[in-house]
Structures are given as C-alpha cells and as structure tokens.
Amino acid sequence: MKYVCNLCGWEYDEAEGYPEGGIAPGTKWEDVPEDFTCPLCSVGKDHFEEA
C-alpha cells in the first residue's frame, strides 16, 4: 500500500518504508509513529491519503 501527501505529493510506500527517517521497509502506515511528518513539507500523517 502507498500513501501520498496531499500537500506536496511525497509518497510513502509500505514495502520500502522510509529508512532515512528510521522507518523500516515493510512498516504498515498504521504502525508509522503518530508524530511522523512529511520529509518534504513537514505536514503530519493526517495530510496523507491512500494512493
């Protein structure tokens, strides 16, 4: 599953995770910490939706 930032379009892919941000590949979106922010525009998880 992939999730995209509504503001800037950055995409989180569960299969790839976000290793640069400490999120391992295979991490489900619901398991990403609630304080996660978009690496490009800094908005919170509530600004992401399923791609």
N, C-alpha and C. Protein backbone atom coordinates (compact mmCIF):
# COMPACT_ATOMS: atom_id res chain seq x y z
N MET A 1 0.85 -1.18 0.00
CA MET A 1 0.00 0.00 0.00
C MET A 1 0.89 1.25 0.00
N LYS A 2 0.42 2.27 -0.68
CA LYS A 2 1.15 3.54 -0.72
C LYS A 2 0.25 4.66 -0.23
N TYR A 3 0.88 5.65 0.38
CA TYR A 3 0.16 6.82 0.90
C TYR A 3 0.86 8.06 0.37
N VAL A 4 0.06 9.04 -0.03
CA VAL A 4 0.63 10.24 -0.64
C VAL A 4 0.24 11.48 0.16
N CYS A 5 1.19 12.40 0.28
CA CYS A 5 0.96 13.67 0.97
C CYS A 5 0.06 14.55 0.11
N ASN A 6 -1.03 15.03 0.69
CA ASN A 6 -1.97 15.88 -0.04
C ASN A 6 -1.36 17.23 -0.40
N LEU A 7 -0.36 17.67 0.34
CA LEU A 7 0.19 18.99 0.11
C LEU A 7 1.27 19.00 -0.97
N CYS A 8 2.24 18.07 -0.88
CA CYS A 8 3.38 18.14 -1.80
C CYS A 8 3.51 16.93 -2.73
N GLY A 9 2.79 15.84 -2.43
CA GLY A 9 2.84 14.67 -3.30
C GLY A 9 3.89 13.63 -2.93
N TRP A 10 4.63 13.84 -1.82
CA TRP A 10 5.61 12.83 -1.41
C TRP A 10 4.86 11.55 -1.09
N GLU A 11 5.45 10.42 -1.47
CA GLU A 11 4.76 9.14 -1.33
C GLU A 11 5.47 8.22 -0.33
N TYR A 12 4.69 7.64 0.57
CA TYR A 12 5.20 6.62 1.49
C TYR A 12 4.74 5.27 0.96
N ASP A 13 5.71 4.39 0.69
CA ASP A 13 5.42 3.04 0.22
C ASP A 13 5.73 2.08 1.36
N GLU A 14 4.71 1.34 1.82
CA GLU A 14 4.90 0.43 2.95
C GLU A 14 6.01 -0.59 2.68
N ALA A 15 6.14 -1.05 1.44
CA ALA A 15 7.16 -2.04 1.10
C ALA A 15 8.57 -1.48 1.25
N GLU A 16 8.73 -0.19 0.95
CA GLU A 16 10.05 0.44 1.02
C GLU A 16 10.33 1.09 2.36
N GLY A 17 9.29 1.45 3.09
CA GLY A 17 9.46 2.17 4.35
C GLY A 17 10.09 3.53 4.09
N TYR A 18 10.75 4.04 5.10
CA TYR A 18 11.48 5.31 4.98
C TYR A 18 12.72 5.20 5.86
N PRO A 19 13.71 4.38 5.40
CA PRO A 19 14.90 4.12 6.22
C PRO A 19 15.63 5.39 6.67
N GLU A 20 15.63 6.42 5.83
CA GLU A 20 16.30 7.68 6.19
C GLU A 20 15.66 8.32 7.41
N GLY A 21 14.40 8.01 7.64
CA GLY A 21 13.67 8.55 8.78
C GLY A 21 13.49 7.54 9.90
N GLY A 22 14.18 6.40 9.79
CA GLY A 22 14.11 5.39 10.84
C GLY A 22 12.91 4.46 10.75
N ILE A 23 12.25 4.42 9.59
CA ILE A 23 11.09 3.54 9.41
C ILE A 23 11.49 2.40 8.48
N ALA A 24 11.51 1.19 9.01
CA ALA A 24 12.00 0.02 8.29
C ALA A 24 11.09 -0.36 7.12
N PRO A 25 11.67 -0.94 6.07
CA PRO A 25 10.84 -1.48 4.99
C PRO A 25 9.83 -2.48 5.55
N GLY A 26 8.63 -2.47 4.99
CA GLY A 26 7.58 -3.37 5.45
C GLY A 26 6.71 -2.80 6.56
N THR A 27 7.02 -1.57 7.01
CA THR A 27 6.24 -0.95 8.08
C THR A 27 4.91 -0.45 7.53
N LYS A 28 3.82 -0.99 8.09
CA LYS A 28 2.47 -0.56 7.70
C LYS A 28 2.26 0.90 8.10
N TRP A 29 1.43 1.60 7.34
CA TRP A 29 1.16 3.01 7.60
C TRP A 29 0.62 3.22 9.01
N GLU A 30 -0.26 2.32 9.47
CA GLU A 30 -0.82 2.47 10.81
C GLU A 30 0.24 2.29 11.89
N ASP A 31 1.38 1.68 11.55
CA ASP A 31 2.46 1.49 12.52
C ASP A 31 3.52 2.59 12.47
N VAL A 32 3.39 3.49 11.50
CA VAL A 32 4.27 4.66 11.44
C VAL A 32 3.90 5.56 12.63
N PRO A 33 4.88 6.06 13.37
CA PRO A 33 4.57 6.88 14.55
C PRO A 33 3.63 8.05 14.23
N GLU A 34 2.75 8.35 15.19
CA GLU A 34 1.77 9.42 15.01
C GLU A 34 2.43 10.79 14.84
N ASP A 35 3.67 10.94 15.33
CA ASP A 35 4.34 12.24 15.19
C ASP A 35 5.15 12.33 13.89
N PHE A 36 4.98 11.36 12.98
CA PHE A 36 5.65 11.39 11.69
C PHE A 36 5.24 12.66 10.93
N THR A 37 6.22 13.27 10.27
CA THR A 37 5.92 14.41 9.41
C THR A 37 6.52 14.16 8.03
N CYS A 38 5.90 14.72 7.02
CA CYS A 38 6.37 14.57 5.65
C CYS A 38 7.79 15.12 5.53
N PRO A 39 8.70 14.34 4.93
CA PRO A 39 10.09 14.78 4.82
C PRO A 39 10.27 16.00 3.91
N LEU A 40 9.31 16.27 3.04
CA LEU A 40 9.45 17.41 2.13
C LEU A 40 8.78 18.68 2.63
N CYS A 41 7.57 18.54 3.21
CA CYS A 41 6.84 19.76 3.57
C CYS A 41 6.45 19.85 5.04
N SER A 42 6.77 18.80 5.82
CA SER A 42 6.60 18.80 7.28
C SER A 42 5.18 18.73 7.80
N VAL A 43 4.19 18.39 6.96
CA VAL A 43 2.84 18.22 7.50
C VAL A 43 2.74 16.84 8.16
N GLY A 44 1.72 16.66 9.00
CA GLY A 44 1.55 15.43 9.76
C GLY A 44 0.86 14.33 8.97
N LYS A 45 0.74 13.16 9.62
CA LYS A 45 0.14 11.99 8.99
C LYS A 45 -1.30 12.24 8.53
N ASP A 46 -1.98 13.16 9.18
CA ASP A 46 -3.39 13.42 8.81
C ASP A 46 -3.53 14.07 7.44
N HIS A 47 -2.41 14.46 6.82
CA HIS A 47 -2.45 15.06 5.49
C HIS A 47 -2.09 14.06 4.41
N PHE A 48 -2.06 12.76 4.76
CA PHE A 48 -1.78 11.70 3.80
C PHE A 48 -3.05 10.91 3.52
N GLU A 49 -3.14 10.39 2.29
CA GLU A 49 -4.25 9.51 1.93
C GLU A 49 -3.72 8.36 1.07
N GLU A 50 -4.50 7.30 0.98
CA GLU A 50 -4.11 6.16 0.15
C GLU A 50 -3.92 6.60 -1.28
N ALA A 51 -2.85 6.10 -1.89
CA ALA A 51 -2.57 6.45 -3.30
C ALA A 51 -3.32 5.51 -4.23
